[in-house]
Amino acid sequence: MKNRREFLFLYDVSWANPNGDPMDENKPRIDEETGINYVTPDRFKRTIRDTLAGMGETVFLREVRKEDLTLLDKSDILKQYFDGKIDNVIKQAIDIRLFGGTFAIDTGKKKKSSEEETSERARGITGPVQFKFGRSLHRVKPVLVKGSSVMPSEGQKDKTQGSLPERWVVPYALIVFYGIANEAASVFRNEKGEIIAELTDDDIFKMLKAIWIGHKSSTDVISYSKFGHEPRLLIEIIYKEGTLTHMGELDKLVSINTDKMDEEIRDIEEVEIDLSKLKEKVKKYKDKIEKVRYKLGDRVRLKEDIESVFEGVKVEKLDLEGT
């Protein structure tokens, strides 16, 4: 990868939980000061990783279970699938080339203790692709939905009827994510300084495909709590080779227009996506941009079309659903 890139991705969630907080009853994550629904980069990358694995790519950070159904940890996966060599992980695993990772390395030495534990040290791999926290473009009010079951739960006193499970969802949230791919970190070297792998343009395209279809049709997102996700807009800005700057904070250059109160929004057709601020920023950077690629989802209304927003820049459509 020779060119710096920026990414802007919008998807919406309808009567689902985009990212529950396990420390708070798995409620959707809400900024209490603003009412904004936010999603962690870890959740976002998890969807990408799961989808890449479903596409047949080698992924390091994934769930692998033993015969007794317990999960393998990173050390076990490293030994079982990559011969215990981190260089092999970098060469083979697309998620590590994209996002990096931290590994514990067995030094073979022994600690001076009664237990004689094996000594380890950490080796960190810096990933060239990073994403900020995702956030909704409007205030969101979570809802606690109470269901019913034909079977009583364990410990239920009244066994004459089913249990009443509860789950938190958001009726609607239009969420924006911003990311960057840094070409300066796209070459990976071993501890001797030798080049062992590079993040390629093809890796980036596979990531974009995983972002799009992962928020629509991956097994993970079609689980009960995640069903109801739909990708709406994905923009990739590719800068000219040698460009050492970028626009930055693209997520803050997106807003919505609607005649409804924020918490009343229930569908993508009830909002208009406004990229006016992005258009103004593009005017200052268009001479540094090689081209822009994008994918627009169904039923999306833009205040101005993408070609107008990136006037004076080469614009191409992305095919992210083809084989």
C-alpha atoms as a PDB file:
ATOM      1  CA  MET A   1       0.000   0.000   0.000  1.00  0.00           C
ATOM      2  CA  LYS A   2       1.671   3.194  -1.196  1.00  0.00           C
ATOM      3  CA  ASN A   3      -1.173   5.688  -0.701  1.00  0.00           C
ATOM      4  CA  ARG A   4      -2.628   7.069   2.503  1.00  0.00           C
ATOM      5  CA  ARG A   5      -6.357   6.487   2.832  1.00  0.00           C
ATOM      6  CA  GLU A   6      -9.292   7.731   4.868  1.00  0.00           C
ATOM      7  CA  PHE A   7     -12.582   5.923   5.388  1.00  0.00           C
ATOM      8  CA  LEU A   8     -16.066   7.138   6.231  1.00  0.00           C
ATOM      9  CA  PHE A   9     -18.744   4.534   6.930  1.00  0.00           C
ATOM     10  CA  LEU A  10     -22.391   4.988   7.880  1.00  0.00           C
ATOM     11  CA  TYR A  11     -24.712   2.163   8.901  1.00  0.00           C
ATOM     12  CA  ASP A  12     -27.973   2.068  10.781  1.00  0.00           C
ATOM     13  CA  VAL A  13     -29.466  -0.168  13.430  1.00  0.00           C
ATOM     14  CA  SER A  14     -33.166  -0.848  13.831  1.00  0.00           C
ATOM     15  CA  TRP A  15     -34.534  -2.491  16.993  1.00  0.00           C
ATOM     16  CA  ALA A  16     -31.223  -4.111  17.820  1.00  0.00           C
ATOM     17  CA  ASN A  17     -28.193  -3.584  20.053  1.00  0.00           C
ATOM     18  CA  PRO A  18     -25.158  -2.294  18.113  1.00  0.00           C
ATOM     19  CA  ASN A  19     -22.719  -2.711  21.016  1.00  0.00           C
ATOM     20  CA  GLY A  20     -23.862  -3.800  24.453  1.00  0.00           C
ATOM     21  CA  ASP A  21     -21.927  -2.919  27.600  1.00  0.00           C
ATOM     22  CA  PRO A  22     -21.300  -6.167  29.543  1.00  0.00           C
ATOM     23  CA  MET A  23     -20.612  -4.127  32.683  1.00  0.00           C
ATOM     24  CA  ASP A  24     -24.075  -2.517  32.514  1.00  0.00           C
ATOM     25  CA  GLU A  25     -26.682  -5.217  31.799  1.00  0.00           C
ATOM     26  CA  ASN A  26     -25.486  -5.316  28.157  1.00  0.00           C
ATOM     27  CA  LYS A  27     -27.266  -2.002  27.528  1.00  0.00           C
ATOM     28  CA  PRO A  28     -26.452  -0.104  24.320  1.00  0.00           C
ATOM     29  CA  ARG A  29     -23.617   2.311  25.055  1.00  0.00           C
ATOM     30  CA  ILE A  30     -25.023   5.817  25.514  1.00  0.00           C
ATOM     31  CA  ASP A  31     -23.171   9.021  26.362  1.00  0.00           C
ATOM     32  CA  GLU A  32     -25.292  10.208  29.273  1.00  0.00           C
ATOM     33  CA  GLU A  33     -24.383  13.849  28.689  1.00  0.00           C
ATOM     34  CA  THR A  34     -25.473  13.979  25.036  1.00  0.00           C
ATOM     35  CA  GLY A  35     -27.710  10.942  24.465  1.00  0.00           C
ATOM     36  CA  ILE A  36     -25.414   9.806  21.644  1.00  0.00           C
ATOM     37  CA  ASN A  37     -25.149   6.056  21.017  1.00  0.00           C
ATOM     38  CA  TYR A  38     -21.509   5.010  20.590  1.00  0.00           C
ATOM     39  CA  VAL A  39     -19.813   1.856  19.348  1.00  0.00           C
ATOM     40  CA  THR A  40     -16.276   0.805  20.246  1.00  0.00           C
ATOM     41  CA  PRO A  41     -13.588   0.223  17.601  1.00  0.00           C
ATOM     42  CA  ASP A  42     -13.185  -3.275  19.070  1.00  0.00           C
ATOM     43  CA  ARG A  43     -16.811  -4.122  18.192  1.00  0.00           C
ATOM     44  CA  PHE A  44     -16.306  -2.702  14.697  1.00  0.00           C
ATOM     45  CA  LYS A  45     -13.104  -4.687  14.113  1.00  0.00           C
ATOM     46  CA  ARG A  46     -14.765  -7.837  15.469  1.00  0.00           C
ATOM     47  CA  THR A  47     -17.398  -7.626  12.730  1.00  0.00           C
ATOM     48  CA  ILE A  48     -14.670  -7.110  10.115  1.00  0.00           C
ATOM     49  CA  ARG A  49     -12.617 -10.046  11.406  1.00  0.00           C
ATOM     50  CA  ASP A  50     -15.584 -12.420  11.549  1.00  0.00           C
ATOM     51  CA  THR A  51     -16.599 -11.469   8.017  1.00  0.00           C
ATOM     52  CA  LEU A  52     -13.065 -11.828   6.654  1.00  0.00           C
ATOM     53  CA  ALA A  53     -12.917 -15.306   8.167  1.00  0.00           C
ATOM     54  CA  GLY A  54     -16.237 -16.106   6.480  1.00  0.00           C
ATOM     55  CA  MET A  55     -14.722 -14.900   3.195  1.00  0.00           C
ATOM     56  CA  GLY A  56     -11.995 -17.534   3.558  1.00  0.00           C
ATOM     57  CA  GLU A  57      -9.247 -15.210   4.816  1.00  0.00           C
ATOM     58  CA  THR A  58      -6.809 -16.255   7.531  1.00  0.00           C
ATOM     59  CA  VAL A  59      -7.687 -14.369  10.713  1.00  0.00           C
ATOM     60  CA  PHE A  60      -5.679 -14.595  13.930  1.00  0.00           C
ATOM     61  CA  LEU A  61      -8.024 -13.043  16.504  1.00  0.00           C
ATOM     62  CA  ARG A  62     -11.013 -15.325  16.274  1.00  0.00           C
ATOM     63  CA  GLU A  63     -12.936 -17.810  18.390  1.00  0.00           C
ATOM     64  CA  VAL A  64     -11.416 -21.290  18.230  1.00  0.00           C
ATOM     65  CA  ARG A  65     -12.740 -23.934  20.594  1.00  0.00           C
ATOM     66  CA  LYS A  66     -11.259 -27.171  21.860  1.00  0.00           C
ATOM     67  CA  GLU A  67     -13.183 -30.428  21.970  1.00  0.00           C
ATOM     68  CA  ASP A  68     -14.413 -29.538  25.462  1.00  0.00           C
ATOM     69  CA  LEU A  69     -15.746 -26.246  23.985  1.00  0.00           C
ATOM     70  CA  THR A  70     -13.295 -24.075  25.935  1.00  0.00           C
ATOM     71  CA  LEU A  71     -11.682 -21.279  23.931  1.00  0.00           C
ATOM     72  CA  LEU A  72      -8.076 -21.355  22.765  1.00  0.00           C
ATOM     73  CA  ASP A  73      -6.097 -18.325  23.929  1.00  0.00           C
ATOM     74  CA  LYS A  74      -3.716 -16.376  21.695  1.00  0.00           C
ATOM     75  CA  SER A  75      -0.719 -18.499  22.743  1.00  0.00           C
ATOM     76  CA  ASP A  76      -2.554 -21.709  21.847  1.00  0.00           C
ATOM     77  CA  ILE A  77      -3.631 -20.358  18.440  1.00  0.00           C
ATOM     78  CA  LEU A  78      -0.093 -19.132  17.763  1.00  0.00           C
ATOM     79  CA  LYS A  79       1.351 -22.581  18.441  1.00  0.00           C
ATOM     80  CA  GLN A  80      -1.379 -24.598  16.732  1.00  0.00           C
ATOM     81  CA  TYR A  81      -1.823 -22.621  13.524  1.00  0.00           C
ATOM     82  CA  PHE A  82       1.350 -20.589  13.048  1.00  0.00           C
ATOM     83  CA  ASP A  83       4.101 -22.875  14.402  1.00  0.00           C
ATOM     84  CA  GLY A  84       4.570 -20.515  17.322  1.00  0.00           C
ATOM     85  CA  LYS A  85       6.137 -17.863  15.081  1.00  0.00           C
ATOM     86  CA  ILE A  86       4.817 -14.317  15.093  1.00  0.00           C
ATOM     87  CA  ASP A  87       6.353 -13.637  11.677  1.00  0.00           C
ATOM     88  CA  ASN A  88       4.095 -16.356  10.288  1.00  0.00           C
ATOM     89  CA  VAL A  89       1.069 -14.624  11.794  1.00  0.00           C
ATOM     90  CA  ILE A  90       1.966 -11.344  10.079  1.00  0.00           C
ATOM     91  CA  LYS A  91       2.522 -13.044   6.728  1.00  0.00           C
ATOM     92  CA  GLN A  92      -0.691 -15.073   6.846  1.00  0.00           C
ATOM     93  CA  ALA A  93      -3.265 -13.241   8.994  1.00  0.00           C
ATOM     94  CA  ILE A  94      -4.967 -10.321   7.267  1.00  0.00           C
ATOM     95  CA  ASP A  95      -6.358  -8.898  10.530  1.00  0.00           C
ATOM     96  CA  ILE A  96      -2.864  -8.483  11.982  1.00  0.00           C
ATOM     97  CA  ARG A  97      -1.639  -6.781   8.804  1.00  0.00           C
ATOM     98  CA  LEU A  98      -4.630  -4.444   9.058  1.00  0.00           C
ATOM     99  CA  PHE A  99      -4.979  -3.750  12.768  1.00  0.00           C
ATOM    100  CA  GLY A 100      -1.809  -5.074  14.396  1.00  0.00           C
ATOM    101  CA  GLY A 101      -1.729  -6.908  17.718  1.00  0.00           C
ATOM    102  CA  THR A 102       0.230  -7.722  20.858  1.00  0.00           C
ATOM    103  CA  PHE A 103       1.900 -11.072  21.467  1.00  0.00           C
ATOM    104  CA  ALA A 104       3.671 -12.727  24.372  1.00  0.00           C
ATOM    105  CA  ILE A 105       6.942 -14.355  23.336  1.00  0.00           C
ATOM    106  CA  ASP A 106       8.386 -17.312  25.228  1.00  0.00           C
ATOM    107  CA  THR A 107      12.050 -16.451  25.901  1.00  0.00           C
ATOM    108  CA  GLY A 108      12.871 -19.917  27.159  1.00  0.00           C
ATOM    109  CA  LYS A 109      14.358 -18.491  30.347  1.00  0.00           C
ATOM    110  CA  LYS A 110      13.113 -19.213  33.824  1.00  0.00           C
ATOM    111  CA  LYS A 111      12.041 -16.751  36.449  1.00  0.00           C
ATOM    112  CA  LYS A 112      13.779 -17.037  39.782  1.00  0.00           C
ATOM    113  CA  SER A 113      10.851 -18.265  41.796  1.00  0.00           C
ATOM    114  CA  SER A 114       9.704 -21.405  43.490  1.00  0.00           C
ATOM    115  CA  GLU A 115       7.234 -22.068  40.681  1.00  0.00           C
ATOM    116  CA  GLU A 116       9.894 -21.833  37.927  1.00  0.00           C
ATOM    117  CA  GLU A 117       7.504 -20.159  35.455  1.00  0.00           C
ATOM    118  CA  THR A 118       8.500 -19.605  31.827  1.00  0.00           C
ATOM    119  CA  SER A 119       9.538 -16.019  31.201  1.00  0.00           C
ATOM    120  CA  GLU A 120       7.744 -14.052  28.482  1.00  0.00           C
ATOM    121  CA  ARG A 121       8.067 -10.630  26.916  1.00  0.00           C
ATOM    122  CA  ALA A 122       5.607  -8.687  24.798  1.00  0.00           C
ATOM    123  CA  ARG A 123       6.015  -7.895  21.113  1.00  0.00           C
ATOM    124  CA  GLY A 124       3.664  -5.303  19.688  1.00  0.00           C
ATOM    125  CA  ILE A 125       2.724  -5.051  16.014  1.00  0.00           C
ATOM    126  CA  THR A 126       1.486  -1.623  14.945  1.00  0.00           C
ATOM    127  CA  GLY A 127      -1.406  -1.845  12.514  1.00  0.00           C
ATOM    128  CA  PRO A 128      -1.666   0.731   9.707  1.00  0.00           C
ATOM    129  CA  VAL A 129      -5.501   0.810   9.861  1.00  0.00           C
ATOM    130  CA  GLN A 130      -7.187   2.407  12.852  1.00  0.00           C
ATOM    131  CA  PHE A 131     -10.755   3.491  13.573  1.00  0.00           C
ATOM    132  CA  LYS A 132     -12.203   5.996  16.039  1.00  0.00           C
ATOM    133  CA  PHE A 133     -15.222   5.256  18.185  1.00  0.00           C
ATOM    134  CA  GLY A 134     -18.383   5.162  16.109  1.00  0.00           C
ATOM    135  CA  ARG A 135     -21.237   7.427  17.174  1.00  0.00           C
ATOM    136  CA  SER A 136     -24.837   8.063  16.246  1.00  0.00           C
ATOM    137  CA  LEU A 137     -25.632  11.238  14.315  1.00  0.00           C
ATOM    138  CA  HIS A 138     -28.571  11.940  16.623  1.00  0.00           C
ATOM    139  CA  ARG A 139     -29.713  11.330  20.172  1.00  0.00           C
ATOM    140  CA  VAL A 140     -30.936   7.807  20.901  1.00  0.00           C
ATOM    141  CA  LYS A 141     -33.189   6.483  23.660  1.00  0.00           C
ATOM    142  CA  PRO A 142     -32.685   2.747  24.422  1.00  0.00           C
ATOM    143  CA  VAL A 143     -35.710   0.551  25.084  1.00  0.00           C
ATOM    144  CA  LEU A 144     -35.975  -2.454  27.389  1.00  0.00           C
ATOM    145  CA  VAL A 145     -37.958  -5.143  25.587  1.00  0.00           C
ATOM    146  CA  LYS A 146     -39.566  -7.876  27.660  1.00  0.00           C
ATOM    147  CA  GLY A 147     -40.218 -11.146  25.890  1.00  0.00           C
ATOM    148  CA  SER A 148     -41.690 -14.484  26.822  1.00  0.00           C
ATOM    149  CA  SER A 149     -40.631 -18.092  26.690  1.00  0.00           C
ATOM    150  CA  VAL A 150     -42.605 -21.342  26.586  1.00  0.00           C
ATOM    151  CA  MET A 151     -40.179 -22.833  29.130  1.00  0.00           C
ATOM    152  CA  PRO A 152     -39.494 -21.695  32.704  1.00  0.00           C
ATOM    153  CA  SER A 153     -35.905 -20.739  33.528  1.00  0.00           C
ATOM    154  CA  GLU A 154     -33.722 -22.558  36.061  1.00  0.00           C
ATOM    155  CA  GLY A 155     -34.531 -21.406  39.575  1.00  0.00           C
ATOM    156  CA  GLN A 156     -37.893 -19.930  38.585  1.00  0.00           C
ATOM    157  CA  LYS A 157     -40.352 -20.402  41.445  1.00  0.00           C
ATOM    158  CA  ASP A 158     -43.533 -20.503  39.384  1.00  0.00           C
ATOM    159  CA  LYS A 159     -43.122 -23.385  36.953  1.00  0.00           C
ATOM    160  CA  THR A 160     -46.650 -23.071  35.522  1.00  0.00           C
ATOM    161  CA  GLN A 161     -45.585 -20.597  32.810  1.00  0.00           C
ATOM    162  CA  GLY A 162     -42.565 -19.577  30.778  1.00  0.00           C
ATOM    163  CA  SER A 163     -39.911 -17.089  31.860  1.00  0.00           C
ATOM    164  CA  LEU A 164     -39.836 -13.395  30.828  1.00  0.00           C
ATOM    165  CA  PRO A 165     -36.453 -12.620  29.254  1.00  0.00           C
ATOM    166  CA  GLU A 166     -35.403  -8.983  28.865  1.00  0.00           C
ATOM    167  CA  ARG A 167     -33.108  -7.312  26.342  1.00  0.00           C
ATOM    168  CA  TRP A 168     -32.033  -3.763  25.596  1.00  0.00           C
ATOM    169  CA  VAL A 169     -32.272  -2.379  22.055  1.00  0.00           C
ATOM    170  CA  VAL A 170     -32.234   0.960  20.281  1.00  0.00           C
ATOM    171  CA  PRO A 171     -35.312   1.631  18.107  1.00  0.00           C
ATOM    172  CA  TYR A 172     -33.054   3.368  15.586  1.00  0.00           C
ATOM    173  CA  ALA A 173     -29.508   4.695  15.326  1.00  0.00           C
ATOM    174  CA  LEU A 174     -27.597   5.996  12.305  1.00  0.00           C
ATOM    175  CA  ILE A 175     -23.941   5.474  13.186  1.00  0.00           C
ATOM    176  CA  VAL A 176     -20.813   6.946  11.601  1.00  0.00           C
ATOM    177  CA  PHE A 177     -17.288   5.490  11.757  1.00  0.00           C
ATOM    178  CA  TYR A 178     -14.060   7.200  10.688  1.00  0.00           C
ATOM    179  CA  GLY A 179     -10.774   5.456   9.961  1.00  0.00           C
ATOM    180  CA  ILE A 180      -7.379   5.950   8.394  1.00  0.00           C
ATOM    181  CA  ALA A 181      -4.809   3.703   6.701  1.00  0.00           C
ATOM    182  CA  ASN A 182      -1.253   4.946   7.247  1.00  0.00           C
ATOM    183  CA  GLU A 183       1.070   3.878   4.451  1.00  0.00           C
ATOM    184  CA  ALA A 184       4.108   4.530   6.678  1.00  0.00           C
ATOM    185  CA  ALA A 185       3.082   1.597   8.899  1.00  0.00           C
ATOM    186  CA  SER A 186       2.139  -0.789   6.086  1.00  0.00           C
ATOM    187  CA  VAL A 187       5.521  -2.542   5.872  1.00  0.00           C
ATOM    188  CA  PHE A 188       6.263  -5.164   8.512  1.00  0.00           C
ATOM    189  CA  ARG A 189       9.753  -6.202   9.568  1.00  0.00           C
ATOM    190  CA  ASN A 190      11.072  -8.975  11.776  1.00  0.00           C
ATOM    191  CA  GLU A 191      13.253  -8.329  14.796  1.00  0.00           C
ATOM    192  CA  LYS A 192      16.298  -8.248  12.504  1.00  0.00           C
ATOM    193  CA  GLY A 193      14.788  -5.413  10.487  1.00  0.00           C
ATOM    194  CA  GLU A 194      14.088  -7.563   7.416  1.00  0.00           C
ATOM    195  CA  ILE A 195      10.829  -7.004   5.498  1.00  0.00           C
ATOM    196  CA  ILE A 196       8.547 -10.000   5.951  1.00  0.00           C
ATOM    197  CA  ALA A 197       5.147  -8.684   4.778  1.00  0.00           C
ATOM    198  CA  GLU A 198       3.250  -5.642   3.529  1.00  0.00           C
ATOM    199  CA  LEU A 199      -0.358  -4.502   3.699  1.00  0.00           C
ATOM    200  CA  THR A 200      -1.559  -4.490   0.098  1.00  0.00           C
ATOM    201  CA  ASP A 201      -4.242  -2.627  -1.832  1.00  0.00           C
ATOM    202  CA  ASP A 202      -6.020  -5.965  -2.132  1.00  0.00           C
ATOM    203  CA  ASP A 203      -6.035  -6.315   1.671  1.00  0.00           C
ATOM    204  CA  ILE A 204      -7.691  -2.896   1.911  1.00  0.00           C
ATOM    205  CA  PHE A 205     -10.343  -3.854  -0.654  1.00  0.00           C
ATOM    206  CA  LYS A 206     -11.113  -7.050   1.263  1.00  0.00           C
ATOM    207  CA  MET A 207     -11.502  -4.988   4.434  1.00  0.00           C
ATOM    208  CA  LEU A 208     -13.946  -2.637   2.689  1.00  0.00           C
ATOM    209  CA  LYS A 209     -15.930  -5.616   1.452  1.00  0.00           C
ATOM    210  CA  ALA A 210     -15.981  -7.066   4.974  1.00  0.00           C
ATOM    211  CA  ILE A 211     -17.182  -3.736   6.385  1.00  0.00           C
ATOM    212  CA  TRP A 212     -20.063  -3.590   3.925  1.00  0.00           C
ATOM    213  CA  ILE A 213     -21.313  -7.159   3.918  1.00  0.00           C
ATOM    214  CA  GLY A 214     -20.376  -7.650   7.577  1.00  0.00           C
ATOM    215  CA  HIS A 215     -22.964  -5.078   8.599  1.00  0.00           C
ATOM    216  CA  LYS A 216     -25.547  -6.778   6.459  1.00  0.00           C
ATOM    217  CA  SER A 217     -25.157 -10.519   6.169  1.00  0.00           C
ATOM    218  CA  SER A 218     -22.439 -11.962   8.412  1.00  0.00           C
ATOM    219  CA  THR A 219     -23.355 -14.710  10.871  1.00  0.00           C
ATOM    220  CA  ASP A 220     -22.294 -12.493  13.744  1.00  0.00           C
ATOM    221  CA  VAL A 221     -24.521  -9.573  12.816  1.00  0.00           C
ATOM    222  CA  ILE A 222     -27.492 -11.839  12.078  1.00  0.00           C
ATOM    223  CA  SER A 223     -27.506 -13.002  15.697  1.00  0.00           C
ATOM    224  CA  TYR A 224     -30.640 -11.868  17.548  1.00  0.00           C
ATOM    225  CA  SER A 225     -29.062  -8.820  19.174  1.00  0.00           C
ATOM    226  CA  LYS A 226     -27.383  -7.675  15.958  1.00  0.00           C
ATOM    227  CA  PHE A 227     -30.113  -8.392  13.408  1.00  0.00           C
ATOM    228  CA  GLY A 228     -31.334  -5.117  11.976  1.00  0.00           C
ATOM    229  CA  HIS A 229     -28.044  -3.636  10.772  1.00  0.00           C
ATOM    230  CA  GLU A 230     -27.808  -2.139   7.289  1.00  0.00           C
ATOM    231  CA  PRO A 231     -24.829  -0.464   5.542  1.00  0.00           C
ATOM    232  CA  ARG A 232     -25.754   2.932   4.074  1.00  0.00           C
ATOM    233  CA  LEU A 233     -22.648   4.732   2.827  1.00  0.00           C
ATOM    234  CA  LEU A 234     -18.958   3.876   2.535  1.00  0.00           C
ATOM    235  CA  ILE A 235     -16.389   6.348   1.220  1.00  0.00           C
ATOM    236  CA  GLU A 236     -12.693   5.637   0.653  1.00  0.00           C
ATOM    237  CA  ILE A 237     -10.425   8.635  -0.026  1.00  0.00           C
ATOM    238  CA  ILE A 238      -7.126   7.680  -1.635  1.00  0.00           C
ATOM    239  CA  TYR A 239      -4.391  10.318  -1.480  1.00  0.00           C
ATOM    240  CA  LYS A 240      -1.627  10.751  -4.024  1.00  0.00           C
ATOM    241  CA  GLU A 241       1.557   8.803  -3.338  1.00  0.00           C
ATOM    242  CA  GLY A 242       3.932  10.790  -1.158  1.00  0.00           C
ATOM    243  CA  THR A 243       1.165  12.849   0.464  1.00  0.00           C
ATOM    244  CA  LEU A 244       1.936  13.096   4.172  1.00  0.00           C
ATOM    245  CA  THR A 245      -1.305  14.741   5.257  1.00  0.00           C
ATOM    246  CA  HIS A 246      -5.026  14.084   5.185  1.00  0.00           C
ATOM    247  CA  MET A 247      -8.280  15.855   6.009  1.00  0.00           C
ATOM    248  CA  GLY A 248      -8.960  14.134   9.339  1.00  0.00           C
ATOM    249  CA  GLU A 249     -12.063  13.874  11.529  1.00  0.00           C
ATOM    250  CA  LEU A 250     -14.349  13.040   8.608  1.00  0.00           C
ATOM    251  CA  ASP A 251     -16.996  11.833  11.058  1.00  0.00           C
ATOM    252  CA  LYS A 252     -17.401  15.423  12.274  1.00  0.00           C
ATOM    253  CA  LEU A 253     -18.100  16.579   8.710  1.00  0.00           C
ATOM    254  CA  VAL A 254     -21.338  14.560   8.467  1.00  0.00           C
ATOM    255  CA  SER A 255     -24.751  15.571   9.782  1.00  0.00           C
ATOM    256  CA  ILE A 256     -28.400  14.786   9.138  1.00  0.00           C
ATOM    257  CA  ASN A 257     -31.445  16.872   8.287  1.00  0.00           C
ATOM    258  CA  THR A 258     -34.847  15.728   9.491  1.00  0.00           C
ATOM    259  CA  ASP A 259     -38.204  17.160  10.511  1.00  0.00           C
ATOM    260  CA  LYS A 260     -38.465  14.709  13.414  1.00  0.00           C
ATOM    261  CA  MET A 261     -37.168  14.875  16.956  1.00  0.00           C
ATOM    262  CA  ASP A 262     -33.960  12.852  17.277  1.00  0.00           C
ATOM    263  CA  GLU A 263     -35.459  10.101  19.440  1.00  0.00           C
ATOM    264  CA  GLU A 264     -38.444   9.773  17.070  1.00  0.00           C
ATOM    265  CA  ILE A 265     -36.373   8.730  14.017  1.00  0.00           C
ATOM    266  CA  ARG A 266     -37.154   5.169  12.974  1.00  0.00           C
ATOM    267  CA  ASP A 267     -35.983   4.773   9.359  1.00  0.00           C
ATOM    268  CA  ILE A 268     -33.277   5.924   6.934  1.00  0.00           C
ATOM    269  CA  GLU A 269     -35.914   7.559   4.716  1.00  0.00           C
ATOM    270  CA  GLU A 270     -36.738   9.970   7.535  1.00  0.00           C
ATOM    271  CA  VAL A 271     -33.335  11.652   7.335  1.00  0.00           C
ATOM    272  CA  GLU A 272     -31.233  13.385   4.704  1.00  0.00           C
ATOM    273  CA  ILE A 273     -27.467  12.880   4.979  1.00  0.00           C
ATOM    274  CA  ASP A 274     -25.669  16.212   4.732  1.00  0.00           C
ATOM    275  CA  LEU A 275     -22.035  16.190   3.537  1.00  0.00           C
ATOM    276  CA  SER A 276     -21.778  19.972   3.063  1.00  0.00           C
ATOM    277  CA  LYS A 277     -18.941  20.349   5.577  1.00  0.00           C
ATOM    278  CA  LEU A 278     -17.031  17.542   3.886  1.00  0.00           C
ATOM    279  CA  LYS A 279     -17.497  19.258   0.522  1.00  0.00           C
ATOM    280  CA  GLU A 280     -15.945  22.460   1.898  1.00  0.00           C
ATOM    281  CA  LYS A 281     -12.985  20.528   3.311  1.00  0.00           C
ATOM    282  CA  VAL A 282     -12.473  18.685   0.025  1.00  0.00           C
ATOM    283  CA  LYS A 283     -11.963  22.003  -1.770  1.00  0.00           C
ATOM    284  CA  LYS A 284      -8.807  22.552   0.296  1.00  0.00           C
ATOM    285  CA  TYR A 285      -7.418  19.054  -0.259  1.00  0.00           C
ATOM    286  CA  LYS A 286      -8.594  18.017  -3.729  1.00  0.00           C
ATOM    287  CA  ASP A 287      -5.148  18.574  -5.282  1.00  0.00           C
ATOM    288  CA  LYS A 288      -3.763  15.978  -2.856  1.00  0.00           C
ATOM    289  CA  ILE A 289      -6.441  13.353  -3.578  1.00  0.00           C
ATOM    290  CA  GLU A 290      -5.811  10.747  -6.284  1.00  0.00           C
ATOM    291  CA  LYS A 291      -9.363   9.387  -6.311  1.00  0.00           C
ATOM    292  CA  VAL A 292     -12.428   8.552  -4.240  1.00  0.00           C
ATOM    293  CA  ARG A 293     -14.319   5.270  -4.220  1.00  0.00           C
ATOM    294  CA  TYR A 294     -17.753   4.831  -2.676  1.00  0.00           C
ATOM    295  CA  LYS A 295     -20.735   2.557  -2.143  1.00  0.00           C
ATOM    296  CA  LEU A 296     -24.236   3.902  -1.518  1.00  0.00           C
ATOM    297  CA  GLY A 297     -26.896   1.759   0.087  1.00  0.00           C
ATOM    298  CA  ASP A 298     -30.601   1.439  -0.593  1.00  0.00           C
ATOM    299  CA  ARG A 299     -33.131   4.172   0.213  1.00  0.00           C
ATOM    300  CA  VAL A 300     -30.445   6.686   1.209  1.00  0.00           C
ATOM    301  CA  ARG A 301     -31.103  10.382   0.581  1.00  0.00           C
ATOM    302  CA  LEU A 302     -28.072  12.633   0.183  1.00  0.00           C
ATOM    303  CA  LYS A 303     -28.311  16.412   0.192  1.00  0.00           C
ATOM    304  CA  GLU A 304     -25.785  16.375  -2.679  1.00  0.00           C
ATOM    305  CA  ASP A 305     -24.537  13.394  -4.652  1.00  0.00           C
ATOM    306  CA  ILE A 306     -21.013  12.087  -4.080  1.00  0.00           C
ATOM    307  CA  GLU A 307     -19.729  13.423  -7.407  1.00  0.00           C
ATOM    308  CA  SER A 308     -20.768  16.921  -6.330  1.00  0.00           C
ATOM    309  CA  VAL A 309     -19.218  16.579  -2.876  1.00  0.00           C
ATOM    310  CA  PHE A 310     -15.892  15.578  -4.470  1.00  0.00           C
ATOM    311  CA  GLU A 311     -16.085  17.965  -7.410  1.00  0.00           C
ATOM    312  CA  GLY A 312     -12.770  18.075  -9.280  1.00  0.00           C
ATOM    313  CA  VAL A 313     -11.718  14.634  -7.967  1.00  0.00           C
ATOM    314  CA  LYS A 314     -11.902  11.301  -9.785  1.00  0.00           C
ATOM    315  CA  VAL A 315     -14.812   9.322  -8.319  1.00  0.00           C
ATOM    316  CA  GLU A 316     -15.500   5.594  -8.747  1.00  0.00           C
ATOM    317  CA  LYS A 317     -18.214   3.261  -7.462  1.00  0.00           C
ATOM    318  CA  LEU A 318     -17.186   0.267  -5.364  1.00  0.00           C
ATOM    319  CA  ASP A 319     -18.516  -3.216  -6.101  1.00  0.00           C
ATOM    320  CA  LEU A 320     -18.518  -4.790  -2.640  1.00  0.00           C
ATOM    321  CA  GLU A 321     -21.198  -7.414  -3.070  1.00  0.00           C
ATOM    322  CA  GLY A 322     -19.808  -9.215  -6.114  1.00  0.00           C
ATOM    323  CA  THR A 323     -17.710 -12.362  -5.837  1.00  0.00           C
END
